[in-house]
Amino acid sequence: MAIVLMAILSAAGVWPCVLVWRDAWIRGTRASDAMEVGLTAMSTNPRSRRAMVRTMVSTEGFLVCLTVSLWLFELCGDLVALHAPLLLLMLFFALAHLSIVLFNRPRFLVPPHLRQDRGRWTRR
């Protein structure tokens, strides 16, 4: 049951990522503005909401890898050969998330219209 819930959560998170990237290329930034309004319940600070939108790709990548890892664990058991690449990828996404928050790098994981933002430490 937990795997089904994780699969639903990770699948539901992919579509907003696609909308934010596509909207930036086609029409401007309406999808990310809508996403920021939706995140008002999590934070009232506009910079925090914008940072959450900036890090949504790394967060979603981590969640997808975690879901696949749980699914493989249910199917095949604890095979290190199957889980090691996923764990390394999860570590990459966790470090990328931290790097995006602090420095807004790597830029290829940040939506195009948010790449000019400065990270938390680069603002000082």
PDB file of N, CA and C in Angstrom:
ATOM      1  N   MET A   1       0.812  -1.197   0.000  1.00  0.00           N
ATOM      2  CA  MET A   1       0.000   0.000   0.000  1.00  0.00           C
ATOM      3  C   MET A   1       0.863   1.272   0.000  1.00  0.00           C
ATOM      4  N   ALA A   2       1.976   1.218   0.731  1.00  0.00           N
ATOM      5  CA  ALA A   2       2.851   2.390   0.795  1.00  0.00           C
ATOM      6  C   ALA A   2       3.463   2.687  -0.566  1.00  0.00           C
ATOM      7  N   ILE A   3       3.756   1.634  -1.317  1.00  0.00           N
ATOM      8  CA  ILE A   3       4.353   1.837  -2.639  1.00  0.00           C
ATOM      9  C   ILE A   3       3.359   2.491  -3.582  1.00  0.00           C
ATOM     10  N   VAL A   4       2.114   2.101  -3.489  1.00  0.00           N
ATOM     11  CA  VAL A   4       1.074   2.703  -4.333  1.00  0.00           C
ATOM     12  C   VAL A   4       0.933   4.180  -3.999  1.00  0.00           C
ATOM     13  N   LEU A   5       0.940   4.510  -2.719  1.00  0.00           N
ATOM     14  CA  LEU A   5       0.839   5.909  -2.304  1.00  0.00           C
ATOM     15  C   LEU A   5       2.049   6.713  -2.775  1.00  0.00           C
ATOM     16  N   MET A   6       3.241   6.134  -2.638  1.00  0.00           N
ATOM     17  CA  MET A   6       4.443   6.825  -3.119  1.00  0.00           C
ATOM     18  C   MET A   6       4.398   7.014  -4.636  1.00  0.00           C
ATOM     19  N   ALA A   7       3.907   6.006  -5.355  1.00  0.00           N
ATOM     20  CA  ALA A   7       3.808   6.122  -6.817  1.00  0.00           C
ATOM     21  C   ALA A   7       2.829   7.218  -7.207  1.00  0.00           C
ATOM     22  N   ILE A   8       1.719   7.310  -6.503  1.00  0.00           N
ATOM     23  CA  ILE A   8       0.736   8.365  -6.787  1.00  0.00           C
ATOM     24  C   ILE A   8       1.335   9.736  -6.499  1.00  0.00           C
ATOM     25  N   LEU A   9       2.036   9.867  -5.373  1.00  0.00           N
ATOM     26  CA  LEU A   9       2.649  11.153  -5.028  1.00  0.00           C
ATOM     27  C   LEU A   9       3.726  11.560  -6.025  1.00  0.00           C
ATOM     28  N   SER A  10       4.556  10.617  -6.417  1.00  0.00           N
ATOM     29  CA  SER A  10       5.616  10.981  -7.369  1.00  0.00           C
ATOM     30  C   SER A  10       5.056  11.264  -8.753  1.00  0.00           C
ATOM     31  N   ALA A  11       4.022  10.529  -9.163  1.00  0.00           N
ATOM     32  CA  ALA A  11       3.399  10.798 -10.465  1.00  0.00           C
ATOM     33  C   ALA A  11       2.679  12.138 -10.452  1.00  0.00           C
ATOM     34  N   ALA A  12       2.056  12.476  -9.330  1.00  0.00           N
ATOM     35  CA  ALA A  12       1.355  13.759  -9.233  1.00  0.00           C
ATOM     36  C   ALA A  12       2.323  14.930  -9.235  1.00  0.00           C
ATOM     37  N   GLY A  13       3.561  14.717  -8.834  1.00  0.00           N
ATOM     38  CA  GLY A  13       4.535  15.794  -8.808  1.00  0.00           C
ATOM     39  C   GLY A  13       5.230  16.043 -10.125  1.00  0.00           C
ATOM     40  N   VAL A  14       5.164  15.086 -11.024  1.00  0.00           N
ATOM     41  CA  VAL A  14       5.840  15.252 -12.312  1.00  0.00           C
ATOM     42  C   VAL A  14       5.129  16.302 -13.162  1.00  0.00           C
ATOM     43  N   TRP A  15       3.813  16.294 -13.170  1.00  0.00           N
ATOM     44  CA  TRP A  15       3.057  17.213 -14.025  1.00  0.00           C
ATOM     45  C   TRP A  15       3.307  18.682 -13.687  1.00  0.00           C
ATOM     46  N   PRO A  16       3.304  19.096 -12.408  1.00  0.00           N
ATOM     47  CA  PRO A  16       3.642  20.503 -12.137  1.00  0.00           C
ATOM     48  C   PRO A  16       5.045  20.882 -12.594  1.00  0.00           C
ATOM     49  N   CYS A  17       6.006  19.952 -12.496  1.00  0.00           N
ATOM     50  CA  CYS A  17       7.362  20.236 -12.999  1.00  0.00           C
ATOM     51  C   CYS A  17       7.331  20.503 -14.494  1.00  0.00           C
ATOM     52  N   VAL A  18       6.594  19.678 -15.229  1.00  0.00           N
ATOM     53  CA  VAL A  18       6.487  19.852 -16.679  1.00  0.00           C
ATOM     54  C   VAL A  18       5.800  21.171 -17.003  1.00  0.00           C
ATOM     55  N   LEU A  19       4.748  21.509 -16.274  1.00  0.00           N
ATOM     56  CA  LEU A  19       4.038  22.766 -16.522  1.00  0.00           C
ATOM     57  C   LEU A  19       4.927  23.979 -16.302  1.00  0.00           C
ATOM     58  N   VAL A  20       5.695  23.971 -15.232  1.00  0.00           N
ATOM     59  CA  VAL A  20       6.546  25.120 -14.935  1.00  0.00           C
ATOM     60  C   VAL A  20       7.614  25.289 -16.014  1.00  0.00           C
ATOM     61  N   TRP A  21       8.245  24.198 -16.447  1.00  0.00           N
ATOM     62  CA  TRP A  21       9.267  24.298 -17.491  1.00  0.00           C
ATOM     63  C   TRP A  21       8.650  24.699 -18.820  1.00  0.00           C
ATOM     64  N   ARG A  22       7.539  24.079 -19.205  1.00  0.00           N
ATOM     65  CA  ARG A  22       6.930  24.369 -20.502  1.00  0.00           C
ATOM     66  C   ARG A  22       6.370  25.776 -20.533  1.00  0.00           C
ATOM     67  N   ASP A  23       5.751  26.197 -19.458  1.00  0.00           N
ATOM     68  CA  ASP A  23       5.157  27.521 -19.399  1.00  0.00           C
ATOM     69  C   ASP A  23       6.217  28.607 -19.516  1.00  0.00           C
ATOM     70  N   ALA A  24       7.368  28.361 -18.957  1.00  0.00           N
ATOM     71  CA  ALA A  24       8.447  29.351 -19.054  1.00  0.00           C
ATOM     72  C   ALA A  24       8.912  29.503 -20.492  1.00  0.00           C
ATOM     73  N   TRP A  25       8.901  28.425 -21.242  1.00  0.00           N
ATOM     74  CA  TRP A  25       9.361  28.495 -22.626  1.00  0.00           C
ATOM     75  C   TRP A  25       8.298  29.062 -23.551  1.00  0.00           C
ATOM     76  N   ILE A  26       7.026  28.808 -23.279  1.00  0.00           N
ATOM     77  CA  ILE A  26       5.974  29.161 -24.228  1.00  0.00           C
ATOM     78  C   ILE A  26       5.341  30.518 -23.924  1.00  0.00           C
ATOM     79  N   ARG A  27       4.818  30.698 -22.724  1.00  0.00           N
ATOM     80  CA  ARG A  27       3.973  31.862 -22.457  1.00  0.00           C
ATOM     81  C   ARG A  27       4.465  32.784 -21.355  1.00  0.00           C
ATOM     82  N   GLY A  28       5.515  32.503 -20.714  1.00  0.00           N
ATOM     83  CA  GLY A  28       5.916  33.324 -19.579  1.00  0.00           C
ATOM     84  C   GLY A  28       6.005  32.479 -18.336  1.00  0.00           C
ATOM     85  N   THR A  29       5.529  33.003 -17.230  1.00  0.00           N
ATOM     86  CA  THR A  29       5.729  32.313 -15.956  1.00  0.00           C
ATOM     87  C   THR A  29       4.427  32.060 -15.215  1.00  0.00           C
ATOM     88  N   ARG A  30       3.315  31.907 -15.906  1.00  0.00           N
ATOM     89  CA  ARG A  30       2.046  31.745 -15.199  1.00  0.00           C
ATOM     90  C   ARG A  30       1.980  30.482 -14.346  1.00  0.00           C
ATOM     91  N   ALA A  31       2.546  29.378 -14.803  1.00  0.00           N
ATOM     92  CA  ALA A  31       2.485  28.141 -14.031  1.00  0.00           C
ATOM     93  C   ALA A  31       3.267  28.273 -12.732  1.00  0.00           C
ATOM     94  N   SER A  32       4.436  28.897 -12.784  1.00  0.00           N
ATOM     95  CA  SER A  32       5.206  29.047 -11.551  1.00  0.00           C
ATOM     96  C   SER A  32       4.545  30.040 -10.611  1.00  0.00           C
ATOM     97  N   ASP A  33       3.880  31.069 -11.160  1.00  0.00           N
ATOM     98  CA  ASP A  33       3.135  31.984 -10.299  1.00  0.00           C
ATOM     99  C   ASP A  33       1.993  31.258  -9.602  1.00  0.00           C
ATOM    100  N   ALA A  34       1.293  30.405 -10.338  1.00  0.00           N
ATOM    101  CA  ALA A  34       0.215  29.619  -9.735  1.00  0.00           C
ATOM    102  C   ALA A  34       0.765  28.661  -8.694  1.00  0.00           C
ATOM    103  N   MET A  35       1.935  28.086  -8.968  1.00  0.00           N
ATOM    104  CA  MET A  35       2.563  27.183  -8.011  1.00  0.00           C
ATOM    105  C   MET A  35       2.929  27.933  -6.742  1.00  0.00           C
ATOM    106  N   GLU A  36       3.443  29.148  -6.872  1.00  0.00           N
ATOM    107  CA  GLU A  36       3.791  29.941  -5.696  1.00  0.00           C
ATOM    108  C   GLU A  36       2.558  30.270  -4.869  1.00  0.00           C
ATOM    109  N   VAL A  37       1.453  30.574  -5.520  1.00  0.00           N
ATOM    110  CA  VAL A  37       0.211  30.842  -4.790  1.00  0.00           C
ATOM    111  C   VAL A  37      -0.247  29.583  -4.059  1.00  0.00           C
ATOM    112  N   GLY A  38      -0.086  28.430  -4.702  1.00  0.00           N
ATOM    113  CA  GLY A  38      -0.470  27.178  -4.063  1.00  0.00           C
ATOM    114  C   GLY A  38       0.392  26.840  -2.859  1.00  0.00           C
ATOM    115  N   LEU A  39       1.624  27.336  -2.831  1.00  0.00           N
ATOM    116  CA  LEU A  39       2.526  27.063  -1.717  1.00  0.00           C
ATOM    117  C   LEU A  39       2.368  28.053  -0.569  1.00  0.00           C
ATOM    118  N   THR A  40       1.387  28.927  -0.648  1.00  0.00           N
ATOM    119  CA  THR A  40       1.167  29.917   0.406  1.00  0.00           C
ATOM    120  C   THR A  40       0.890  29.253   1.741  1.00  0.00           C
ATOM    121  N   ALA A  41       0.252  28.086   1.726  1.00  0.00           N
ATOM    122  CA  ALA A  41      -0.027  27.381   2.976  1.00  0.00           C
ATOM    123  C   ALA A  41       1.259  26.921   3.650  1.00  0.00           C
ATOM    124  N   MET A  42       2.324  26.705   2.877  1.00  0.00           N
ATOM    125  CA  MET A  42       3.581  26.242   3.457  1.00  0.00           C
ATOM    126  C   MET A  42       4.455  27.392   3.934  1.00  0.00           C
ATOM    127  N   SER A  43       4.376  28.535   3.267  1.00  0.00           N
ATOM    128  CA  SER A  43       5.210  29.663   3.647  1.00  0.00           C
ATOM    129  C   SER A  43       4.554  30.957   3.186  1.00  0.00           C
ATOM    130  N   THR A  44       4.631  31.977   4.021  1.00  0.00           N
ATOM    131  CA  THR A  44       4.101  33.280   3.632  1.00  0.00           C
ATOM    132  C   THR A  44       5.176  34.165   3.019  1.00  0.00           C
ATOM    133  N   ASN A  45       6.420  33.740   3.096  1.00  0.00           N
ATOM    134  CA  ASN A  45       7.533  34.503   2.541  1.00  0.00           C
ATOM    135  C   ASN A  45       7.618  34.248   1.034  1.00  0.00           C
ATOM    136  N   PRO A  46       7.504  35.277   0.187  1.00  0.00           N
ATOM    137  CA  PRO A  46       7.557  35.073  -1.268  1.00  0.00           C
ATOM    138  C   PRO A  46       8.868  34.459  -1.748  1.00  0.00           C
ATOM    139  N   ARG A  47       9.994  34.807  -1.107  1.00  0.00           N
ATOM    140  CA  ARG A  47      11.271  34.219  -1.521  1.00  0.00           C
ATOM    141  C   ARG A  47      11.322  32.730  -1.220  1.00  0.00           C
ATOM    142  N   SER A  48      10.720  32.316  -0.114  1.00  0.00           N
ATOM    143  CA  SER A  48      10.682  30.888   0.225  1.00  0.00           C
ATOM    144  C   SER A  48       9.827  30.123  -0.773  1.00  0.00           C
ATOM    145  N   ARG A  49       8.696  30.695  -1.151  1.00  0.00           N
ATOM    146  CA  ARG A  49       7.837  30.029  -2.136  1.00  0.00           C
ATOM    147  C   ARG A  49       8.539  29.933  -3.483  1.00  0.00           C
ATOM    148  N   ARG A  50       9.244  30.983  -3.857  1.00  0.00           N
ATOM    149  CA  ARG A  50       9.980  30.960  -5.128  1.00  0.00           C
ATOM    150  C   ARG A  50      11.106  29.922  -5.074  1.00  0.00           C
ATOM    151  N   ALA A  51      11.752  29.779  -3.926  1.00  0.00           N
ATOM    152  CA  ALA A  51      12.794  28.772  -3.764  1.00  0.00           C
ATOM    153  C   ALA A  51      12.208  27.367  -3.859  1.00  0.00           C
ATOM    154  N   MET A  52      10.997  27.176  -3.344  1.00  0.00           N
ATOM    155  CA  MET A  52      10.355  25.865  -3.454  1.00  0.00           C
ATOM    156  C   MET A  52      10.076  25.517  -4.909  1.00  0.00           C
ATOM    157  N   VAL A  53       9.684  26.498  -5.697  1.00  0.00           N
ATOM    158  CA  VAL A  53       9.454  26.250  -7.122  1.00  0.00           C
ATOM    159  C   VAL A  53      10.786  25.966  -7.813  1.00  0.00           C
ATOM    160  N   ARG A  54      11.855  26.680  -7.413  1.00  0.00           N
ATOM    161  CA  ARG A  54      13.179  26.432  -8.008  1.00  0.00           C
ATOM    162  C   ARG A  54      13.670  25.024  -7.753  1.00  0.00           C
ATOM    163  N   THR A  55      13.353  24.477  -6.592  1.00  0.00           N
ATOM    164  CA  THR A  55      13.884  23.160  -6.216  1.00  0.00           C
ATOM    165  C   THR A  55      12.929  22.017  -6.515  1.00  0.00           C
ATOM    166  N   MET A  56      11.866  22.266  -7.227  1.00  0.00           N
ATOM    167  CA  MET A  56      10.890  21.200  -7.427  1.00  0.00           C
ATOM    168  C   MET A  56      11.421  20.061  -8.291  1.00  0.00           C
ATOM    169  N   VAL A  57      12.332  20.310  -9.209  1.00  0.00           N
ATOM    170  CA  VAL A  57      12.874  19.233 -10.042  1.00  0.00           C
ATOM    171  C   VAL A  57      13.750  18.297  -9.208  1.00  0.00           C
ATOM    172  N   SER A  58      14.604  18.863  -8.357  1.00  0.00           N
ATOM    173  CA  SER A  58      15.450  18.001  -7.526  1.00  0.00           C
ATOM    174  C   SER A  58      14.616  17.237  -6.500  1.00  0.00           C
ATOM    175  N   THR A  59      13.595  17.871  -5.968  1.00  0.00           N
ATOM    176  CA  THR A  59      12.721  17.179  -5.014  1.00  0.00           C
ATOM    177  C   THR A  59      11.968  16.050  -5.701  1.00  0.00           C
ATOM    178  N   GLU A  60      11.461  16.303  -6.874  1.00  0.00           N
ATOM    179  CA  GLU A  60      10.716  15.286  -7.608  1.00  0.00           C
ATOM    180  C   GLU A  60      11.628  14.146  -8.049  1.00  0.00           C
ATOM    181  N   GLY A  61      12.851  14.459  -8.458  1.00  0.00           N
ATOM    182  CA  GLY A  61      13.800  13.410  -8.823  1.00  0.00           C
ATOM    183  C   GLY A  61      14.105  12.504  -7.649  1.00  0.00           C
ATOM    184  N   PHE A  62      14.285  13.088  -6.474  1.00  0.00           N
ATOM    185  CA  PHE A  62      14.522  12.297  -5.269  1.00  0.00           C
ATOM    186  C   PHE A  62      13.326  11.406  -4.960  1.00  0.00           C
ATOM    187  N   LEU A  63      12.127  11.952  -5.073  1.00  0.00           N
ATOM    188  CA  LEU A  63      10.919  11.189  -4.774  1.00  0.00           C
ATOM    189  C   LEU A  63      10.707  10.045  -5.764  1.00  0.00           C
ATOM    190  N   VAL A  64      10.978  10.266  -7.020  1.00  0.00           N
ATOM    191  CA  VAL A  64      10.842   9.202  -8.026  1.00  0.00           C
ATOM    192  C   VAL A  64      11.853   8.090  -7.757  1.00  0.00           C
ATOM    193  N   CYS A  65      13.098   8.460  -7.459  1.00  0.00           N
ATOM    194  CA  CYS A  65      14.113   7.438  -7.151  1.00  0.00           C
ATOM    195  C   CYS A  65      13.741   6.645  -5.904  1.00  0.00           C
ATOM    196  N   LEU A  66      13.208   7.317  -4.906  1.00  0.00           N
ATOM    197  CA  LEU A  66      12.777   6.620  -3.694  1.00  0.00           C
ATOM    198  C   LEU A  66      11.643   5.654  -3.991  1.00  0.00           C
ATOM    199  N   THR A  67      10.696   6.057  -4.822  1.00  0.00           N
ATOM    200  CA  THR A  67       9.576   5.190  -5.190  1.00  0.00           C
ATOM    201  C   THR A  67      10.058   3.960  -5.946  1.00  0.00           C
ATOM    202  N   VAL A  68      10.941   4.155  -6.911  1.00  0.00           N
ATOM    203  CA  VAL A  68      11.468   3.021  -7.676  1.00  0.00           C
ATOM    204  C   VAL A  68      12.270   2.091  -6.773  1.00  0.00           C
ATOM    205  N   SER A  69      13.026   2.665  -5.860  1.00  0.00           N
ATOM    206  CA  SER A  69      13.805   1.847  -4.932  1.00  0.00           C
ATOM    207  C   SER A  69      12.896   1.008  -4.043  1.00  0.00           C
ATOM    208  N   LEU A  70      11.828   1.597  -3.529  1.00  0.00           N
ATOM    209  CA  LEU A  70      10.875   0.834  -2.714  1.00  0.00           C
ATOM    210  C   LEU A  70      10.197  -0.256  -3.530  1.00  0.00           C
ATOM    211  N   TRP A  71       9.863   0.066  -4.757  1.00  0.00           N
ATOM    212  CA  TRP A  71       9.224  -0.912  -5.627  1.00  0.00           C
ATOM    213  C   TRP A  71      10.160  -2.073  -5.920  1.00  0.00           C
ATOM    214  N   LEU A  72      11.423  -1.778  -6.212  1.00  0.00           N
ATOM    215  CA  LEU A  72      12.409  -2.837  -6.453  1.00  0.00           C
ATOM    216  C   LEU A  72      12.654  -3.670  -5.204  1.00  0.00           C
ATOM    217  N   PHE A  73      12.611  -3.038  -4.037  1.00  0.00           N
ATOM    218  CA  PHE A  73      12.787  -3.783  -2.797  1.00  0.00           C
ATOM    219  C   PHE A  73      11.651  -4.780  -2.601  1.00  0.00           C
ATOM    220  N   GLU A  74      10.439  -4.372  -2.937  1.00  0.00           N
ATOM    221  CA  GLU A  74       9.298  -5.286  -2.829  1.00  0.00           C
ATOM    222  C   GLU A  74       9.400  -6.433  -3.830  1.00  0.00           C
ATOM    223  N   LEU A  75       9.878  -6.133  -5.039  1.00  0.00           N
ATOM    224  CA  LEU A  75       9.958  -7.171  -6.075  1.00  0.00           C
ATOM    225  C   LEU A  75      11.133  -8.119  -5.885  1.00  0.00           C
ATOM    226  N   CYS A  76      12.314  -7.571  -5.654  1.00  0.00           N
ATOM    227  CA  CYS A  76      13.540  -8.373  -5.711  1.00  0.00           C
ATOM    228  C   CYS A  76      14.243  -8.535  -4.377  1.00  0.00           C
ATOM    229  N   GLY A  77      13.790  -7.868  -3.364  1.00  0.00           N
ATOM    230  CA  GLY A  77      14.484  -7.954  -2.087  1.00  0.00           C
ATOM    231  C   GLY A  77      15.626  -6.964  -2.015  1.00  0.00           C
ATOM    232  N   ASP A  78      16.538  -7.255  -1.126  1.00  0.00           N
ATOM    233  CA  ASP A  78      17.644  -6.327  -0.862  1.00  0.00           C
ATOM    234  C   ASP A  78      18.856  -6.674  -1.721  1.00  0.00           C
ATOM    235  N   LEU A  79      18.772  -6.393  -3.012  1.00  0.00           N
ATOM    236  CA  LEU A  79      19.898  -6.608  -3.918  1.00  0.00           C
ATOM    237  C   LEU A  79      20.666  -5.297  -4.067  1.00  0.00           C
ATOM    238  N   VAL A  80      21.899  -5.305  -3.623  1.00  0.00           N
ATOM    239  CA  VAL A  80      22.706  -4.089  -3.643  1.00  0.00           C
ATOM    240  C   VAL A  80      22.938  -3.608  -5.072  1.00  0.00           C
ATOM    241  N   ALA A  81      23.048  -4.520  -6.005  1.00  0.00           N
ATOM    242  CA  ALA A  81      23.303  -4.140  -7.400  1.00  0.00           C
ATOM    243  C   ALA A  81      22.155  -3.311  -7.978  1.00  0.00           C
ATOM    244  N   LEU A  82      20.944  -3.552  -7.506  1.00  0.00           N
ATOM    245  CA  LEU A  82      19.799  -2.781  -7.993  1.00  0.00           C
ATOM    246  C   LEU A  82      19.651  -1.454  -7.256  1.00  0.00           C
ATOM    247  N   HIS A  83      19.948  -1.451  -5.982  1.00  0.00           N
ATOM    248  CA  HIS A  83      19.692  -0.263  -5.180  1.00  0.00           C
ATOM    249  C   HIS A  83      20.843   0.735  -5.162  1.00  0.00           C
ATOM    250  N   ALA A  84      22.056   0.294  -5.389  1.00  0.00           N
ATOM    251  CA  ALA A  84      23.205   1.200  -5.314  1.00  0.00           C
ATOM    252  C   ALA A  84      23.112   2.362  -6.305  1.00  0.00           C
ATOM    253  N   PRO A  85      22.781   2.118  -7.593  1.00  0.00           N
ATOM    254  CA  PRO A  85      22.664   3.270  -8.504  1.00  0.00           C
ATOM    255  C   PRO A  85      21.542   4.235  -8.096  1.00  0.00           C
ATOM    256  N   LEU A  86      20.448   3.682  -7.613  1.00  0.00           N
ATOM    257  CA  LEU A  86      19.352   4.555  -7.181  1.00  0.00           C
ATOM    258  C   LEU A  86      19.733   5.361  -5.947  1.00  0.00           C
ATOM    259  N   LEU A  87      20.452   4.754  -5.034  1.00  0.00           N
ATOM    260  CA  LEU A  87      20.883   5.487  -3.846  1.00  0.00           C
ATOM    261  C   LEU A  87      21.873   6.586  -4.209  1.00  0.00           C
ATOM    262  N   LEU A  88      22.749   6.323  -5.161  1.00  0.00           N
ATOM    263  CA  LEU A  88      23.668   7.363  -5.624  1.00  0.00           C
ATOM    264  C   LEU A  88      22.917   8.505  -6.311  1.00  0.00           C
ATOM    265  N   LEU A  89      21.912   8.150  -7.086  1.00  0.00           N
ATOM    266  CA  LEU A  89      21.096   9.171  -7.741  1.00  0.00           C
ATOM    267  C   LEU A  89      20.305   9.977  -6.712  1.00  0.00           C
ATOM    268  N   MET A  90      19.806   9.308  -5.683  1.00  0.00           N
ATOM    269  CA  MET A  90      19.106  10.022  -4.609  1.00  0.00           C
ATOM    270  C   MET A  90      20.053  10.969  -3.874  1.00  0.00           C
ATOM    271  N   LEU A  91      21.297  10.534  -3.651  1.00  0.00           N
ATOM    272  CA  LEU A  91      22.287  11.402  -3.021  1.00  0.00           C
ATOM    273  C   LEU A  91      22.573  12.611  -3.912  1.00  0.00           C
ATOM    274  N   PHE A  92      22.677  12.383  -5.226  1.00  0.00           N
ATOM    275  CA  PHE A  92      22.881  13.495  -6.155  1.00  0.00           C
ATOM    276  C   PHE A  92      21.735  14.504  -6.062  1.00  0.00           C
ATOM    277  N   PHE A  93      20.485  14.011  -6.068  1.00  0.00           N
ATOM    278  CA  PHE A  93      19.347  14.929  -5.999  1.00  0.00           C
ATOM    279  C   PHE A  93      19.276  15.657  -4.660  1.00  0.00           C
ATOM    280  N   ALA A  94      19.645  14.984  -3.571  1.00  0.00           N
ATOM    281  CA  ALA A  94      19.652  15.650  -2.269  1.00  0.00           C
ATOM    282  C   ALA A  94      20.704  16.758  -2.229  1.00  0.00           C
ATOM    283  N   LEU A  95      21.892  16.477  -2.740  1.00  0.00           N
ATOM    284  CA  LEU A  95      22.942  17.498  -2.785  1.00  0.00           C
ATOM    285  C   LEU A  95      22.598  18.616  -3.768  1.00  0.00           C
ATOM    286  N   ALA A  96      21.954  18.247  -4.886  1.00  0.00           N
ATOM    287  CA  ALA A  96      21.527  19.271  -5.851  1.00  0.00           C
ATOM    288  C   ALA A  96      20.473  20.183  -5.238  1.00  0.00           C
ATOM    289  N   HIS A  97      19.571  19.611  -4.458  1.00  0.00           N
ATOM    290  CA  HIS A  97      18.547  20.415  -3.787  1.00  0.00           C
ATOM    291  C   HIS A  97      19.202  21.437  -2.855  1.00  0.00           C
ATOM    292  N   LEU A  98      20.140  20.979  -2.063  1.00  0.00           N
ATOM    293  CA  LEU A  98      20.844  21.872  -1.150  1.00  0.00           C
ATOM    294  C   LEU A  98      21.627  22.938  -1.918  1.00  0.00           C
ATOM    295  N   SER A  99      22.258  22.550  -3.003  1.00  0.00           N
ATOM    296  CA  SER A  99      23.025  23.483  -3.810  1.00  0.00           C
ATOM    297  C   SER A  99      22.123  24.523  -4.481  1.00  0.00           C
ATOM    298  N   ILE A 100      20.949  24.107  -4.919  1.00  0.00           N
ATOM    299  CA  ILE A 100      20.025  25.060  -5.547  1.00  0.00           C
ATOM    300  C   ILE A 100      19.533  26.069  -4.519  1.00  0.00           C
ATOM    301  N   VAL A 101      19.239  25.608  -3.326  1.00  0.00           N
ATOM    302  CA  VAL A 101      18.779  26.530  -2.280  1.00  0.00           C
ATOM    303  C   VAL A 101      19.877  27.525  -1.920  1.00  0.00           C
ATOM    304  N   LEU A 102      21.094  27.039  -1.751  1.00  0.00           N
ATOM    305  CA  LEU A 102      22.170  27.916  -1.282  1.00  0.00           C
ATOM    306  C   LEU A 102      22.798  28.762  -2.379  1.00  0.00           C
ATOM    307  N   PHE A 103      22.984  28.191  -3.577  1.00  0.00           N
ATOM    308  CA  PHE A 103      23.731  28.897  -4.619  1.00  0.00           C
ATOM    309  C   PHE A 103      22.978  29.045  -5.946  1.00  0.00           C
ATOM    310  N   ASN A 104      21.803  28.424  -6.083  1.00  0.00           N
ATOM    311  CA  ASN A 104      21.043  28.369  -7.330  1.00  0.00           C
ATOM    312  C   ASN A 104      21.868  27.712  -8.446  1.00  0.00           C
ATOM    313  N   ARG A 105      22.581  26.698  -8.093  1.00  0.00           N
ATOM    314  CA  ARG A 105      23.367  25.886  -9.016  1.00  0.00           C
ATOM    315  C   ARG A 105      23.084  24.423  -8.733  1.00  0.00           C
ATOM    316  N   PRO A 106      23.104  23.502  -9.621  1.00  0.00           N
ATOM    317  CA  PRO A 106      23.357  23.557 -11.050  1.00  0.00           C
ATOM    318  C   PRO A 106      22.164  24.137 -11.802  1.00  0.00           C
ATOM    319  N   ARG A 107      22.440  24.978 -12.739  1.00  0.00           N
ATOM    320  CA  ARG A 107      21.398  25.697 -13.455  1.00  0.00           C
ATOM    321  C   ARG A 107      20.516  24.792 -14.305  1.00  0.00           C
ATOM    322  N   PHE A 108      21.018  23.645 -14.767  1.00  0.00           N
ATOM    323  CA  PHE A 108      20.205  22.786 -15.625  1.00  0.00           C
ATOM    324  C   PHE A 108      19.049  22.143 -14.861  1.00  0.00           C
ATOM    325  N   LEU A 109      19.057  22.180 -13.542  1.00  0.00           N
ATOM    326  CA  LEU A 109      17.932  21.657 -12.749  1.00  0.00           C
ATOM    327  C   LEU A 109      16.962  22.751 -12.321  1.00  0.00           C
ATOM    328  N   VAL A 110      17.292  23.996 -12.612  1.00  0.00           N
ATOM    329  CA  VAL A 110      16.435  25.131 -12.243  1.00  0.00           C
ATOM    330  C   VAL A 110      15.613  25.522 -13.461  1.00  0.00           C
ATOM    331  N   PRO A 111      14.298  25.766 -13.294  1.00  0.00           N
ATOM    332  CA  PRO A 111      13.491  26.209 -14.440  1.00  0.00           C
ATOM    333  C   PRO A 111      14.102  27.456 -15.086  1.00  0.00           C
ATOM    334  N   PRO A 112      14.010  27.566 -16.409  1.00  0.00           N
ATOM    335  CA  PRO A 112      14.711  28.636 -17.143  1.00  0.00           C
ATOM    336  C   PRO A 112      14.432  30.047 -16.647  1.00  0.00           C
ATOM    337  N   HIS A 113      13.210  30.355 -16.289  1.00  0.00           N
ATOM    338  CA  HIS A 113      12.891  31.725 -15.887  1.00  0.00           C
ATOM    339  C   HIS A 113      13.297  32.028 -14.446  1.00  0.00           C
ATOM    340  N   LEU A 114      13.780  31.018 -13.694  1.00  0.00           N
ATOM    341  CA  LEU A 114      14.226  31.245 -12.318  1.00  0.00           C
ATOM    342  C   LEU A 114      15.745  31.152 -12.186  1.00  0.00           C
ATOM    343  N   ARG A 115      16.439  31.008 -13.293  1.00  0.00           N
ATOM    344  CA  ARG A 115      17.892  30.856 -13.243  1.00  0.00           C
ATOM    345  C   ARG A 115      18.604  32.136 -12.861  1.00  0.00           C
ATOM    346  N   GLN A 116      17.972  33.281 -13.023  1.00  0.00           N
ATOM    347  CA  GLN A 116      18.612  34.538 -12.659  1.00  0.00           C
ATOM    348  C   GLN A 116      18.513  34.807 -11.163  1.00  0.00           C
ATOM    349  N   ASP A 117      17.684  34.041 -10.437  1.00  0.00           N
ATOM    350  CA  ASP A 117      17.583  34.214  -8.986  1.00  0.00           C
ATOM    351  C   ASP A 117      18.914  33.904  -8.325  1.00  0.00           C
ATOM    352  N   ARG A 118      19.085  34.487  -7.157  1.00  0.00           N
ATOM    353  CA  ARG A 118      20.302  34.223  -6.411  1.00  0.00           C
ATOM    354  C   ARG A 118      19.963  33.275  -5.271  1.00  0.00           C
ATOM    355  N   GLY A 119      20.898  32.422  -4.934  1.00  0.00           N
ATOM    356  CA  GLY A 119      20.714  31.494  -3.829  1.00  0.00           C
ATOM    357  C   GLY A 119      20.798  32.198  -2.493  1.00  0.00           C
ATOM    358  N   ARG A 120      20.562  31.466  -1.447  1.00  0.00           N
ATOM    359  CA  ARG A 120      20.558  32.043  -0.109  1.00  0.00           C
ATOM    360  C   ARG A 120      21.927  32.613   0.267  1.00  0.00           C
ATOM    361  N   TRP A 121      22.994  31.923  -0.053  1.00  0.00           N
ATOM    362  CA  TRP A 121      24.330  32.409   0.309  1.00  0.00           C
ATOM    363  C   TRP A 121      24.882  33.390  -0.701  1.00  0.00           C
ATOM    364  N   THR A 122      24.420  33.377  -1.916  1.00  0.00           N
ATOM    365  CA  THR A 122      24.942  34.334  -2.907  1.00  0.00           C
ATOM    366  C   THR A 122      24.291  35.706  -2.752  1.00  0.00           C
ATOM    367  N   ARG A 123      23.245  35.813  -1.934  1.00  0.00           N
ATOM    368  CA  ARG A 123      22.606  37.101  -1.671  1.00  0.00           C
ATOM    369  C   ARG A 123      23.432  37.945  -0.712  1.00  0.00           C
ATOM    370  N   ARG A 124      24.271  37.324   0.073  1.00  0.00           N
ATOM    371  CA  ARG A 124      25.012  38.055   1.122  1.00  0.00           C
ATOM    372  C   ARG A 124      26.148  38.841   0.585  1.00  0.00           C
TER     373      ARG A 124
END
